[in-house]
Structures are given as C-alpha cells and as structure tokens.
Amino acid sequence: MSDPDRVLLCYCTCPDTASAQRLAQALVNESLAACVNQVPGIRSTYRWRGEVTTDSEDLLLIKTTEARFGALKERLLALHPYELPELIAVPVEHGHAAYLEWVRSGGH
C-alpha cells in the first residue's frame, strides 16, 4: 500500500568521495532528499560480468519520502557514474517523530 508521506531510507554506493558528494549535494539542493549521510571507506564485494570484485566505495544514506522517491531515483540514475547504480529504499517504521516530520517537510 502506497503512502506518499512514508519516510524512506535509501542506500546507494558510489565509487569515490567526489561522486558521492556531488550526488548528495544535488539531491538535497533539489529538495529530493532532506538529508544525505556519506559514509566513506566501505568495502564492497560483488559479482559483475562473471568476475568477483572487491572495491572501496562510499555509501550514501538518503532520507526522503515515498512521494519524492520517483524523482529522486530518476535524478540519481542520471547523475550516477555507475552503469548499474545501487538504489535500495527501505520504509522507516519507527523513529523520532520530530525528525521524521522534518524529513517529510523536505528539511525545511
């Protein structure tokens, strides 16, 4: 069941700090996310084109709403340097009510 006010926590990995920062800035500046946390130095192991690879990446933790998710996804896919960017959205079931309301307001 769709709820446009539902807060989402979205995960997205980036190949480096610069691209992660560009994405975070764009998403917040364009009011597609209320907040983006950038976690540098994670290690990702994955299979890509038949090869197992391990890379250093930055992780973005993006706070948005279901109503803004479609536009956020479109913008992220347009800006992201990967051929197949990770974007996973998880509904937030519980949290600090005032913070969740701030996310719903777009950080305003």
PDB file of N, CA and C in Angstrom:
ATOM      1  N   MET A   1       0.831  -1.178   0.000  1.00  0.00           N
ATOM      2  CA  MET A   1       0.000   0.000   0.000  1.00  0.00           C
ATOM      3  C   MET A   1       0.882   1.250   0.000  1.00  0.00           C
ATOM      4  N   SER A   2       0.618   2.135  -0.890  1.00  0.00           N
ATOM      5  CA  SER A   2       1.423   3.337  -1.059  1.00  0.00           C
ATOM      6  C   SER A   2       0.995   4.425  -0.070  1.00  0.00           C
ATOM      7  N   ASP A   3       1.980   5.082   0.518  1.00  0.00           N
ATOM      8  CA  ASP A   3       1.741   6.196   1.430  1.00  0.00           C
ATOM      9  C   ASP A   3       2.748   7.280   1.090  1.00  0.00           C
ATOM     10  N   PRO A   4       2.319   8.357   0.432  1.00  0.00           N
ATOM     11  CA  PRO A   4       3.270   9.388  -0.014  1.00  0.00           C
ATOM     12  C   PRO A   4       4.055  10.036   1.116  1.00  0.00           C
ATOM     13  N   ASP A   5       3.522   9.998   2.349  1.00  0.00           N
ATOM     14  CA  ASP A   5       4.215  10.592   3.497  1.00  0.00           C
ATOM     15  C   ASP A   5       5.172   9.634   4.185  1.00  0.00           C
ATOM     16  N   ARG A   6       5.198   8.372   3.747  1.00  0.00           N
ATOM     17  CA  ARG A   6       6.092   7.391   4.380  1.00  0.00           C
ATOM     18  C   ARG A   6       7.541   7.826   4.172  1.00  0.00           C
ATOM     19  N   VAL A   7       8.305   7.822   5.257  1.00  0.00           N
ATOM     20  CA  VAL A   7       9.727   8.151   5.188  1.00  0.00           C
ATOM     21  C   VAL A   7      10.479   6.912   4.710  1.00  0.00           C
ATOM     22  N   LEU A   8      11.416   7.127   3.798  1.00  0.00           N
ATOM     23  CA  LEU A   8      12.258   6.065   3.264  1.00  0.00           C
ATOM     24  C   LEU A   8      13.711   6.339   3.590  1.00  0.00           C
ATOM     25  N   LEU A   9      14.451   5.276   3.869  1.00  0.00           N
ATOM     26  CA  LEU A   9      15.903   5.340   3.982  1.00  0.00           C
ATOM     27  C   LEU A   9      16.441   4.614   2.764  1.00  0.00           C
ATOM     28  N   CYS A  10      17.169   5.334   1.924  1.00  0.00           N
ATOM     29  CA  CYS A  10      17.683   4.778   0.675  1.00  0.00           C
ATOM     30  C   CYS A  10      19.195   4.586   0.783  1.00  0.00           C
ATOM     31  N   TYR A  11      19.662   3.480   0.253  1.00  0.00           N
ATOM     32  CA  TYR A  11      21.083   3.150   0.237  1.00  0.00           C
ATOM     33  C   TYR A  11      21.589   3.258  -1.189  1.00  0.00           C
ATOM     34  N   CYS A  12      22.752   3.878  -1.341  1.00  0.00           N
ATOM     35  CA  CYS A  12      23.376   3.990  -2.657  1.00  0.00           C
ATOM     36  C   CYS A  12      24.895   4.020  -2.474  1.00  0.00           C
ATOM     37  N   THR A  13      25.599   3.157  -3.205  1.00  0.00           N
ATOM     38  CA  THR A  13      27.058   3.185  -3.150  1.00  0.00           C
ATOM     39  C   THR A  13      27.611   3.982  -4.322  1.00  0.00           C
ATOM     40  N   CYS A  14      28.755   4.602  -4.083  1.00  0.00           N
ATOM     41  CA  CYS A  14      29.431   5.430  -5.090  1.00  0.00           C
ATOM     42  C   CYS A  14      30.900   5.023  -5.151  1.00  0.00           C
ATOM     43  N   PRO A  15      31.541   5.198  -6.309  1.00  0.00           N
ATOM     44  CA  PRO A  15      32.922   4.741  -6.454  1.00  0.00           C
ATOM     45  C   PRO A  15      33.955   5.575  -5.702  1.00  0.00           C
ATOM     46  N   ASP A  16      33.604   6.817  -5.332  1.00  0.00           N
ATOM     47  CA  ASP A  16      34.582   7.683  -4.679  1.00  0.00           C
ATOM     48  C   ASP A  16      33.876   8.812  -3.953  1.00  0.00           C
ATOM     49  N   THR A  17      34.636   9.522  -3.144  1.00  0.00           N
ATOM     50  CA  THR A  17      34.101  10.605  -2.330  1.00  0.00           C
ATOM     51  C   THR A  17      33.548  11.735  -3.181  1.00  0.00           C
ATOM     52  N   ALA A  18      34.223  12.081  -4.261  1.00  0.00           N
ATOM     53  CA  ALA A  18      33.777  13.204  -5.094  1.00  0.00           C
ATOM     54  C   ALA A  18      32.410  12.935  -5.718  1.00  0.00           C
ATOM     55  N   SER A  19      32.221  11.751  -6.280  1.00  0.00           N
ATOM     56  CA  SER A  19      30.924  11.454  -6.903  1.00  0.00           C
ATOM     57  C   SER A  19      29.828  11.348  -5.843  1.00  0.00           C
ATOM     58  N   ALA A  20      30.150  10.800  -4.675  1.00  0.00           N
ATOM     59  CA  ALA A  20      29.177  10.713  -3.592  1.00  0.00           C
ATOM     60  C   ALA A  20      28.759  12.115  -3.143  1.00  0.00           C
ATOM     61  N   GLN A  21      29.719  13.010  -3.018  1.00  0.00           N
ATOM     62  CA  GLN A  21      29.420  14.381  -2.604  1.00  0.00           C
ATOM     63  C   GLN A  21      28.559  15.100  -3.646  1.00  0.00           C
ATOM     64  N   ARG A  22      28.870  14.918  -4.930  1.00  0.00           N
ATOM     65  CA  ARG A  22      28.071  15.541  -5.996  1.00  0.00           C
ATOM     66  C   ARG A  22      26.619  15.058  -5.933  1.00  0.00           C
ATOM     67  N   LEU A  23      26.434  13.758  -5.758  1.00  0.00           N
ATOM     68  CA  LEU A  23      25.081  13.206  -5.670  1.00  0.00           C
ATOM     69  C   LEU A  23      24.351  13.740  -4.440  1.00  0.00           C
ATOM     70  N   ALA A  24      25.014  13.721  -3.291  1.00  0.00           N
ATOM     71  CA  ALA A  24      24.391  14.199  -2.060  1.00  0.00           C
ATOM     72  C   ALA A  24      23.962  15.658  -2.199  1.00  0.00           C
ATOM     73  N   GLN A  25      24.847  16.482  -2.709  1.00  0.00           N
ATOM     74  CA  GLN A  25      24.539  17.913  -2.893  1.00  0.00           C
ATOM     75  C   GLN A  25      23.351  18.103  -3.826  1.00  0.00           C
ATOM     76  N   ALA A  26      23.348  17.406  -4.944  1.00  0.00           N
ATOM     77  CA  ALA A  26      22.262  17.553  -5.917  1.00  0.00           C
ATOM     78  C   ALA A  26      20.925  17.136  -5.307  1.00  0.00           C
ATOM     79  N   LEU A  27      20.896  16.009  -4.618  1.00  0.00           N
ATOM     80  CA  LEU A  27      19.637  15.509  -4.067  1.00  0.00           C
ATOM     81  C   LEU A  27      19.073  16.440  -3.004  1.00  0.00           C
ATOM     82  N   VAL A  28      19.936  17.001  -2.159  1.00  0.00           N
ATOM     83  CA  VAL A  28      19.467  17.924  -1.132  1.00  0.00           C
ATOM     84  C   VAL A  28      19.138  19.288  -1.743  1.00  0.00           C
ATOM     85  N   ASN A  29      19.997  19.799  -2.619  1.00  0.00           N
ATOM     86  CA  ASN A  29      19.738  21.100  -3.257  1.00  0.00           C
ATOM     87  C   ASN A  29      18.437  21.111  -4.044  1.00  0.00           C
ATOM     88  N   GLU A  30      18.102  19.980  -4.653  1.00  0.00           N
ATOM     89  CA  GLU A  30      16.887  19.889  -5.472  1.00  0.00           C
ATOM     90  C   GLU A  30      15.670  19.421  -4.672  1.00  0.00           C
ATOM     91  N   SER A  31      15.807  19.388  -3.339  1.00  0.00           N
ATOM     92  CA  SER A  31      14.730  19.005  -2.415  1.00  0.00           C
ATOM     93  C   SER A  31      14.175  17.607  -2.684  1.00  0.00           C
ATOM     94  N   LEU A  32      15.024  16.713  -3.175  1.00  0.00           N
ATOM     95  CA  LEU A  32      14.628  15.323  -3.378  1.00  0.00           C
ATOM     96  C   LEU A  32      14.921  14.490  -2.132  1.00  0.00           C
ATOM     97  N   ALA A  33      15.789  15.005  -1.270  1.00  0.00           N
ATOM     98  CA  ALA A  33      16.132  14.370  -0.003  1.00  0.00           C
ATOM     99  C   ALA A  33      16.268  15.455   1.050  1.00  0.00           C
ATOM    100  N   ALA A  34      15.857  15.131   2.281  1.00  0.00           N
ATOM    101  CA  ALA A  34      16.025  16.078   3.379  1.00  0.00           C
ATOM    102  C   ALA A  34      17.453  16.055   3.892  1.00  0.00           C
ATOM    103  N   CYS A  35      18.088  14.885   3.817  1.00  0.00           N
ATOM    104  CA  CYS A  35      19.422  14.703   4.359  1.00  0.00           C
ATOM    105  C   CYS A  35      20.084  13.519   3.664  1.00  0.00           C
ATOM    106  N   VAL A  36      21.383  13.625   3.442  1.00  0.00           N
ATOM    107  CA  VAL A  36      22.166  12.510   2.912  1.00  0.00           C
ATOM    108  C   VAL A  36      23.426  12.381   3.757  1.00  0.00           C
ATOM    109  N   ASN A  37      23.616  11.227   4.376  1.00  0.00           N
ATOM    110  CA  ASN A  37      24.853  10.940   5.096  1.00  0.00           C
ATOM    111  C   ASN A  37      25.794  10.218   4.146  1.00  0.00           C
ATOM    112  N   GLN A  38      27.049  10.596   4.189  1.00  0.00           N
ATOM    113  CA  GLN A  38      28.075   9.986   3.342  1.00  0.00           C
ATOM    114  C   GLN A  38      29.040   9.218   4.245  1.00  0.00           C
ATOM    115  N   VAL A  39      29.120   7.912   4.014  1.00  0.00           N
ATOM    116  CA  VAL A  39      29.990   7.047   4.806  1.00  0.00           C
ATOM    117  C   VAL A  39      31.134   6.585   3.911  1.00  0.00           C
ATOM    118  N   PRO A  40      32.331   7.133   4.110  1.00  0.00           N
ATOM    119  CA  PRO A  40      33.456   6.761   3.245  1.00  0.00           C
ATOM    120  C   PRO A  40      34.092   5.432   3.659  1.00  0.00           C
ATOM    121  N   GLY A  41      34.786   4.841   2.722  1.00  0.00           N
ATOM    122  CA  GLY A  41      35.665   3.723   3.029  1.00  0.00           C
ATOM    123  C   GLY A  41      35.009   2.384   3.286  1.00  0.00           C
ATOM    124  N   ILE A  42      33.823   2.136   2.748  1.00  0.00           N
ATOM    125  CA  ILE A  42      33.262   0.797   2.898  1.00  0.00           C
ATOM    126  C   ILE A  42      33.896  -0.120   1.856  1.00  0.00           C
ATOM    127  N   ARG A  43      33.896  -1.405   2.109  1.00  0.00           N
ATOM    128  CA  ARG A  43      34.414  -2.394   1.158  1.00  0.00           C
ATOM    129  C   ARG A  43      33.241  -3.192   0.636  1.00  0.00           C
ATOM    130  N   SER A  44      33.117  -3.256  -0.666  1.00  0.00           N
ATOM    131  CA  SER A  44      32.028  -3.993  -1.303  1.00  0.00           C
ATOM    132  C   SER A  44      32.601  -5.130  -2.124  1.00  0.00           C
ATOM    133  N   THR A  45      32.069  -6.318  -1.929  1.00  0.00           N
ATOM    134  CA  THR A  45      32.438  -7.489  -2.728  1.00  0.00           C
ATOM    135  C   THR A  45      31.195  -7.920  -3.480  1.00  0.00           C
ATOM    136  N   TYR A  46      31.325  -8.066  -4.796  1.00  0.00           N
ATOM    137  CA  TYR A  46      30.170  -8.346  -5.636  1.00  0.00           C
ATOM    138  C   TYR A  46      30.616  -9.059  -6.908  1.00  0.00           C
ATOM    139  N   ARG A  47      29.650  -9.658  -7.578  1.00  0.00           N
ATOM    140  CA  ARG A  47      29.915 -10.293  -8.866  1.00  0.00           C
ATOM    141  C   ARG A  47      29.440  -9.348  -9.963  1.00  0.00           C
ATOM    142  N   TRP A  48      30.324  -9.041 -10.901  1.00  0.00           N
ATOM    143  CA  TRP A  48      29.979  -8.162 -12.015  1.00  0.00           C
ATOM    144  C   TRP A  48      30.570  -8.754 -13.285  1.00  0.00           C
ATOM    145  N   ARG A  49      29.697  -9.063 -14.234  1.00  0.00           N
ATOM    146  CA  ARG A  49      30.099  -9.627 -15.529  1.00  0.00           C
ATOM    147  C   ARG A  49      30.953 -10.879 -15.367  1.00  0.00           C
ATOM    148  N   GLY A  50      30.520 -11.742 -14.432  1.00  0.00           N
ATOM    149  CA  GLY A  50      31.166 -13.030 -14.244  1.00  0.00           C
ATOM    150  C   GLY A  50      32.400 -13.019 -13.365  1.00  0.00           C
ATOM    151  N   GLU A  51      32.810 -11.866 -12.882  1.00  0.00           N
ATOM    152  CA  GLU A  51      34.006 -11.755 -12.039  1.00  0.00           C
ATOM    153  C   GLU A  51      33.623 -11.293 -10.639  1.00  0.00           C
ATOM    154  N   VAL A  52      34.253 -11.883  -9.631  1.00  0.00           N
ATOM    155  CA  VAL A  52      34.072 -11.410  -8.258  1.00  0.00           C
ATOM    156  C   VAL A  52      35.094 -10.300  -8.023  1.00  0.00           C
ATOM    157  N   THR A  53      34.591  -9.166  -7.553  1.00  0.00           N
ATOM    158  CA  THR A  53      35.406  -7.965  -7.384  1.00  0.00           C
ATOM    159  C   THR A  53      35.208  -7.404  -5.985  1.00  0.00           C
ATOM    160  N   THR A  54      36.249  -6.816  -5.428  1.00  0.00           N
ATOM    161  CA  THR A  54      36.152  -6.083  -4.165  1.00  0.00           C
ATOM    162  C   THR A  54      36.687  -4.679  -4.410  1.00  0.00           C
ATOM    163  N   ASP A  55      35.882  -3.683  -4.055  1.00  0.00           N
ATOM    164  CA  ASP A  55      36.247  -2.281  -4.257  1.00  0.00           C
ATOM    165  C   ASP A  55      35.970  -1.475  -3.003  1.00  0.00           C
ATOM    166  N   SER A  56      36.663  -0.362  -2.879  1.00  0.00           N
ATOM    167  CA  SER A  56      36.364   0.627  -1.862  1.00  0.00           C
ATOM    168  C   SER A  56      35.312   1.570  -2.438  1.00  0.00           C
ATOM    169  N   GLU A  57      34.292   1.871  -1.646  1.00  0.00           N
ATOM    170  CA  GLU A  57      33.219   2.752  -2.093  1.00  0.00           C
ATOM    171  C   GLU A  57      32.801   3.668  -0.950  1.00  0.00           C
ATOM    172  N   ASP A  58      32.020   4.669  -1.279  1.00  0.00           N
ATOM    173  CA  ASP A  58      31.341   5.493  -0.292  1.00  0.00           C
ATOM    174  C   ASP A  58      29.870   5.094  -0.310  1.00  0.00           C
ATOM    175  N   LEU A  59      29.259   5.044   0.859  1.00  0.00           N
ATOM    176  CA  LEU A  59      27.845   4.710   0.983  1.00  0.00           C
ATOM    177  C   LEU A  59      27.060   5.971   1.292  1.00  0.00           C
ATOM    178  N   LEU A  60      25.994   6.182   0.548  1.00  0.00           N
ATOM    179  CA  LEU A  60      25.071   7.273   0.840  1.00  0.00           C
ATOM    180  C   LEU A  60      23.847   6.709   1.544  1.00  0.00           C
ATOM    181  N   LEU A  61      23.458   7.352   2.640  1.00  0.00           N
ATOM    182  CA  LEU A  61      22.224   7.052   3.356  1.00  0.00           C
ATOM    183  C   LEU A  61      21.311   8.249   3.124  1.00  0.00           C
ATOM    184  N   ILE A  62      20.302   8.046   2.312  1.00  0.00           N
ATOM    185  CA  ILE A  62      19.457   9.134   1.810  1.00  0.00           C
ATOM    186  C   ILE A  62      18.103   9.071   2.503  1.00  0.00           C
ATOM    187  N   LYS A  63      17.687  10.183   3.128  1.00  0.00           N
ATOM    188  CA  LYS A  63      16.390  10.251   3.787  1.00  0.00           C
ATOM    189  C   LYS A  63      15.430  11.065   2.925  1.00  0.00           C
ATOM    190  N   THR A  64      14.320  10.417   2.546  1.00  0.00           N
ATOM    191  CA  THR A  64      13.333  11.049   1.685  1.00  0.00           C
ATOM    192  C   THR A  64      11.962  10.491   2.017  1.00  0.00           C
ATOM    193  N   THR A  65      10.982  10.776   1.176  1.00  0.00           N
ATOM    194  CA  THR A  65       9.646  10.222   1.333  1.00  0.00           C
ATOM    195  C   THR A  65       9.266   9.447   0.089  1.00  0.00           C
ATOM    196  N   GLU A  66       8.254   8.640   0.246  1.00  0.00           N
ATOM    197  CA  GLU A  66       7.757   7.869  -0.890  1.00  0.00           C
ATOM    198  C   GLU A  66       7.309   8.797  -2.027  1.00  0.00           C
ATOM    199  N   ALA A  67       6.737   9.939  -1.679  1.00  0.00           N
ATOM    200  CA  ALA A  67       6.273  10.882  -2.701  1.00  0.00           C
ATOM    201  C   ALA A  67       7.425  11.420  -3.550  1.00  0.00           C
ATOM    202  N   ARG A  68       8.600  11.576  -2.964  1.00  0.00           N
ATOM    203  CA  ARG A  68       9.753  12.120  -3.695  1.00  0.00           C
ATOM    204  C   ARG A  68      10.646  11.040  -4.296  1.00  0.00           C
ATOM    205  N   PHE A  69      10.369   9.770  -3.988  1.00  0.00           N
ATOM    206  CA  PHE A  69      11.271   8.703  -4.409  1.00  0.00           C
ATOM    207  C   PHE A  69      11.409   8.587  -5.931  1.00  0.00           C
ATOM    208  N   GLY A  70      10.337   8.683  -6.670  1.00  0.00           N
ATOM    209  CA  GLY A  70      10.410   8.550  -8.129  1.00  0.00           C
ATOM    210  C   GLY A  70      11.334   9.578  -8.755  1.00  0.00           C
ATOM    211  N   ALA A  71      11.187  10.835  -8.353  1.00  0.00           N
ATOM    212  CA  ALA A  71      12.044  11.904  -8.881  1.00  0.00           C
ATOM    213  C   ALA A  71      13.483  11.727  -8.403  1.00  0.00           C
ATOM    214  N   LEU A  72      13.652  11.306  -7.144  1.00  0.00           N
ATOM    215  CA  LEU A  72      14.993  11.049  -6.620  1.00  0.00           C
ATOM    216  C   LEU A  72      15.680   9.957  -7.439  1.00  0.00           C
ATOM    217  N   LYS A  73      14.960   8.870  -7.698  1.00  0.00           N
ATOM    218  CA  LYS A  73      15.532   7.767  -8.470  1.00  0.00           C
ATOM    219  C   LYS A  73      15.941   8.229  -9.874  1.00  0.00           C
ATOM    220  N   GLU A  74      15.076   8.964 -10.520  1.00  0.00           N
ATOM    221  CA  GLU A  74      15.378   9.462 -11.868  1.00  0.00           C
ATOM    222  C   GLU A  74      16.634  10.333 -11.864  1.00  0.00           C
ATOM    223  N   ARG A  75      16.731  11.233 -10.907  1.00  0.00           N
ATOM    224  CA  ARG A  75      17.887  12.141 -10.834  1.00  0.00           C
ATOM    225  C   ARG A  75      19.167  11.388 -10.486  1.00  0.00           C
ATOM    226  N   LEU A  76      19.080  10.471  -9.517  1.00  0.00           N
ATOM    227  CA  LEU A  76      20.246   9.693  -9.119  1.00  0.00           C
ATOM    228  C   LEU A  76      20.773   8.866 -10.294  1.00  0.00           C
ATOM    229  N   LEU A  77      19.875   8.222 -11.023  1.00  0.00           N
ATOM    230  CA  LEU A  77      20.312   7.413 -12.171  1.00  0.00           C
ATOM    231  C   LEU A  77      20.935   8.276 -13.265  1.00  0.00           C
ATOM    232  N   ALA A  78      20.458   9.503 -13.412  1.00  0.00           N
ATOM    233  CA  ALA A  78      21.020  10.410 -14.416  1.00  0.00           C
ATOM    234  C   ALA A  78      22.420  10.891 -14.039  1.00  0.00           C
ATOM    235  N   LEU A  79      22.678  11.065 -12.748  1.00  0.00           N
ATOM    236  CA  LEU A  79      23.953  11.628 -12.286  1.00  0.00           C
ATOM    237  C   LEU A  79      25.008  10.589 -11.920  1.00  0.00           C
ATOM    238  N   HIS A  80      24.583   9.376 -11.615  1.00  0.00           N
ATOM    239  CA  HIS A  80      25.493   8.374 -11.055  1.00  0.00           C
ATOM    240  C   HIS A  80      26.483   7.872 -12.112  1.00  0.00           C
ATOM    241  N   PRO A  81      27.758   7.712 -11.727  1.00  0.00           N
ATOM    242  CA  PRO A  81      28.757   7.257 -12.706  1.00  0.00           C
ATOM    243  C   PRO A  81      28.691   5.760 -13.029  1.00  0.00           C
ATOM    244  N   TYR A  82      28.045   4.953 -12.184  1.00  0.00           N
ATOM    245  CA  TYR A  82      27.985   3.510 -12.451  1.00  0.00           C
ATOM    246  C   TYR A  82      26.990   3.196 -13.565  1.00  0.00           C
ATOM    247  N   GLU A  83      27.283   2.142 -14.299  1.00  0.00           N
ATOM    248  CA  GLU A  83      26.362   1.632 -15.307  1.00  0.00           C
ATOM    249  C   GLU A  83      25.084   1.102 -14.648  1.00  0.00           C
ATOM    250  N   LEU A  84      25.235   0.475 -13.478  1.00  0.00           N
ATOM    251  CA  LEU A  84      24.108  -0.098 -12.742  1.00  0.00           C
ATOM    252  C   LEU A  84      24.209   0.334 -11.277  1.00  0.00           C
ATOM    253  N   PRO A  85      23.738   1.545 -10.957  1.00  0.00           N
ATOM    254  CA  PRO A  85      23.849   2.032  -9.581  1.00  0.00           C
ATOM    255  C   PRO A  85      22.964   1.250  -8.620  1.00  0.00           C
ATOM    256  N   GLU A  86      23.467   1.083  -7.410  1.00  0.00           N
ATOM    257  CA  GLU A  86      22.655   0.532  -6.333  1.00  0.00           C
ATOM    258  C   GLU A  86      21.724   1.622  -5.829  1.00  0.00           C
ATOM    259  N   LEU A  87      20.456   1.303  -5.727  1.00  0.00           N
ATOM    260  CA  LEU A  87      19.499   2.172  -5.062  1.00  0.00           C
ATOM    261  C   LEU A  87      18.454   1.271  -4.427  1.00  0.00           C
ATOM    262  N   ILE A  88      18.473   1.219  -3.104  1.00  0.00           N
ATOM    263  CA  ILE A  88      17.552   0.384  -2.340  1.00  0.00           C
ATOM    264  C   ILE A  88      16.840   1.295  -1.347  1.00  0.00           C
ATOM    265  N   ALA A  89      15.513   1.240  -1.336  1.00  0.00           N
ATOM    266  CA  ALA A  89      14.724   2.061  -0.417  1.00  0.00           C
ATOM    267  C   ALA A  89      14.022   1.161   0.596  1.00  0.00           C
ATOM    268  N   VAL A  90      14.174   1.516   1.857  1.00  0.00           N
ATOM    269  CA  VAL A  90      13.572   0.759   2.951  1.00  0.00           C
ATOM    270  C   VAL A  90      12.631   1.690   3.710  1.00  0.00           C
ATOM    271  N   PRO A  91      11.381   1.289   3.907  1.00  0.00           N
ATOM    272  CA  PRO A  91      10.471   2.138   4.677  1.00  0.00           C
ATOM    273  C   PRO A  91      10.908   2.230   6.137  1.00  0.00           C
ATOM    274  N   VAL A  92      10.809   3.423   6.693  1.00  0.00           N
ATOM    275  CA  VAL A  92      11.133   3.641   8.096  1.00  0.00           C
ATOM    276  C   VAL A  92       9.846   3.410   8.891  1.00  0.00           C
ATOM    277  N   GLU A  93       9.867   2.414   9.743  1.00  0.00           N
ATOM    278  CA  GLU A  93       8.681   2.060  10.522  1.00  0.00           C
ATOM    279  C   GLU A  93       8.575   2.854  11.814  1.00  0.00           C
ATOM    280  N   HIS A  94       9.716   3.175  12.423  1.00  0.00           N
ATOM    281  CA  HIS A  94       9.717   3.879  13.697  1.00  0.00           C
ATOM    282  C   HIS A  94      10.880   4.857  13.712  1.00  0.00           C
ATOM    283  N   GLY A  95      10.759   5.885  14.513  1.00  0.00           N
ATOM    284  CA  GLY A  95      11.837   6.857  14.661  1.00  0.00           C
ATOM    285  C   GLY A  95      11.373   8.019  15.524  1.00  0.00           C
ATOM    286  N   HIS A  96      12.256   8.968  15.711  1.00  0.00           N
ATOM    287  CA  HIS A  96      11.942  10.177  16.461  1.00  0.00           C
ATOM    288  C   HIS A  96      10.924  10.975  15.648  1.00  0.00           C
ATOM    289  N   ALA A  97       9.734  11.148  16.188  1.00  0.00           N
ATOM    290  CA  ALA A  97       8.620  11.750  15.445  1.00  0.00           C
ATOM    291  C   ALA A  97       8.980  13.118  14.859  1.00  0.00           C
ATOM    292  N   ALA A  98       9.651  13.948  15.628  1.00  0.00           N
ATOM    293  CA  ALA A  98      10.001  15.287  15.139  1.00  0.00           C
ATOM    294  C   ALA A  98      10.988  15.198  13.974  1.00  0.00           C
ATOM    295  N   TYR A  99      11.934  14.264  14.041  1.00  0.00           N
ATOM    296  CA  TYR A  99      12.885  14.087  12.935  1.00  0.00           C
ATOM    297  C   TYR A  99      12.164  13.587  11.691  1.00  0.00           C
ATOM    298  N   LEU A 100      11.285  12.609  11.854  1.00  0.00           N
ATOM    299  CA  LEU A 100      10.557  12.080  10.698  1.00  0.00           C
ATOM    300  C   LEU A 100       9.689  13.162  10.058  1.00  0.00           C
ATOM    301  N   GLU A 101       9.107  14.024  10.869  1.00  0.00           N
ATOM    302  CA  GLU A 101       8.324  15.133  10.317  1.00  0.00           C
ATOM    303  C   GLU A 101       9.217  16.094   9.550  1.00  0.00           C
ATOM    304  N   TRP A 102      10.426  16.315  10.046  1.00  0.00           N
ATOM    305  CA  TRP A 102      11.395  17.168   9.341  1.00  0.00           C
ATOM    306  C   TRP A 102      11.730  16.573   7.975  1.00  0.00           C
ATOM    307  N   VAL A 103      11.925  15.261   7.911  1.00  0.00           N
ATOM    308  CA  VAL A 103      12.190  14.592   6.628  1.00  0.00           C
ATOM    309  C   VAL A 103      10.995  14.783   5.705  1.00  0.00           C
ATOM    310  N   ARG A 104       9.798  14.587   6.232  1.00  0.00           N
ATOM    311  CA  ARG A 104       8.578  14.753   5.405  1.00  0.00           C
ATOM    312  C   ARG A 104       8.502  16.173   4.844  1.00  0.00           C
ATOM    313  N   SER A 105       8.976  17.165   5.616  1.00  0.00           N
ATOM    314  CA  SER A 105       8.917  18.568   5.154  1.00  0.00           C
ATOM    315  C   SER A 105      10.009  18.857   4.113  1.00  0.00           C
ATOM    316  N   GLY A 106      10.841  17.885   3.833  1.00  0.00           N
ATOM    317  CA  GLY A 106      11.941  18.092   2.887  1.00  0.00           C
ATOM    318  C   GLY A 106      13.117  18.811   3.514  1.00  0.00           C
ATOM    319  N   GLY A 107      13.160  18.841   4.848  1.00  0.00           N
ATOM    320  CA  GLY A 107      14.246  19.507   5.541  1.00  0.00           C
ATOM    321  C   GLY A 107      14.026  20.993   5.702  1.00  0.00           C
ATOM    322  N   HIS A 108      12.807  21.432   5.498  1.00  0.00           N
ATOM    323  CA  HIS A 108      12.504  22.874   5.598  1.00  0.00           C
ATOM    324  C   HIS A 108      11.916  23.211   6.944  1.00  0.00           C
TER     325      HIS A 108
END
